[in-house]
Amino acid sequence: MNPSTKSTLLAGFQALTHLEIRAAQFDSVNHLVQLVSSKPLLQILSVDDLGWEEPSFDDTLCVSSALHSLRLSNCYKRDILDWLASHDPLPPINHIQLGSVYPEDTHSIGRFLHRLGSHLLTLQLEFSSLDAGGDAEDFCARVDLAHNPALHTIILDKFINYSVYQFSSAVAWIPELLSRTPNLRTVSFGVAIRDLRELHPQEDPIDWDALDRLFCHPQLPHLHTLRFWVSGIVALDSVGAAIARCLPRSSERRMLRFHRGEPRMIEV
C-alpha cells in the first residue's frame, strides 16, 4: 500500500460504523490495528482472509468503545484478540463470530472471552479441520464459557459436515462445551450431509441420546430452541424427521427448528 492510500484510509471515513476487510496482506498486524483504531464510531468489524508477518502491536491504539460485533475468519485471531484484550476497559462486544477455531488461537480466545464476561451475548464458531475432535478438545480445555453468564445463543457451524474428510469429529465435545452455559436460550447447528445415514456414522458415532438428555437437562433451564441449518442434497423435511427421531425428548418439547442454508446469527 502506497503512503498516499494509507494516509487516506487512516484519515478519511471518520463516520464509518461498519468496516469489513478481506483478502489482504499486511506487513504487520499493527497496520491493521492502525486502520481499525482510526475509526472512532466503529460498531461492527469483520476480518476475513488476512495475513501478516509481524504480530507485535501498539497497545496505546484503541478500538472504538462503540464496537459491539466482531467477526474473525481465516486470520491470526490470536493477534487481534490479544490487542483487544490489552484494552482497559474492553470494548463491550456482544456478538462474536470466530469461524474455524484452531489450537494456536484458543489461549487468546479463552483469555479474551474471560475478560469480556457478561458483555458476550452470542457466539458463533466451528471445528472444521482434519482433526476437528482434537480442536474441540483443546477449545474446551482453554475456553470456559462459564465466565460469560449472559451468553444466550451459540451457533455451531459444521456440526455435522461431510463435505470434507475428517479423521475425528467435534460432536463428542459439544455436551461439555454447552454444559458450561446455563443461561443458553438458543443453540444452532450446521448440518451438511448427502445421505440420512450420515447422521449415524459408524466410524465416529454420534451420541444423540447424550445430546438429547443435555438439551432437556435442568442445568440448561432456559434452553428453548434448537435450530438445525441444513445444506446438501437431502430434503429438509427428511432431515428434520430423522433428527427428531434422534432427539425424541427435545422434539416432544417442540424445541426443534429446521432451516435450509448456512447458519446465520438471527437469534436475539
Foldseek 3Di string as FASTA:
>chain_A
DDPVVLVCLLQPPQQDAEDEDEDEEDQEVQSVLSNQLSHQNHAEYAYEHYEYDHLDYDLVRDHHLNHAEYEDYNYLVLSVLVSQLSDVVHRLHAYYEDEAAALVRLQSVQSSLLSNAQSYAEYEYEQDDLASCVRLVSNLVRHQCLSHQNHAEYEYEPQPDPPDHHPYHNQVSVLSNVLSHQNYAEYEYEHEDADLCSQADPNYGHQLVVVLCSQPDNSNVNHQAYEYEYDYDDDQVVNVVSSCVSNVNNVVSVRYDYHYDTDDPPDD
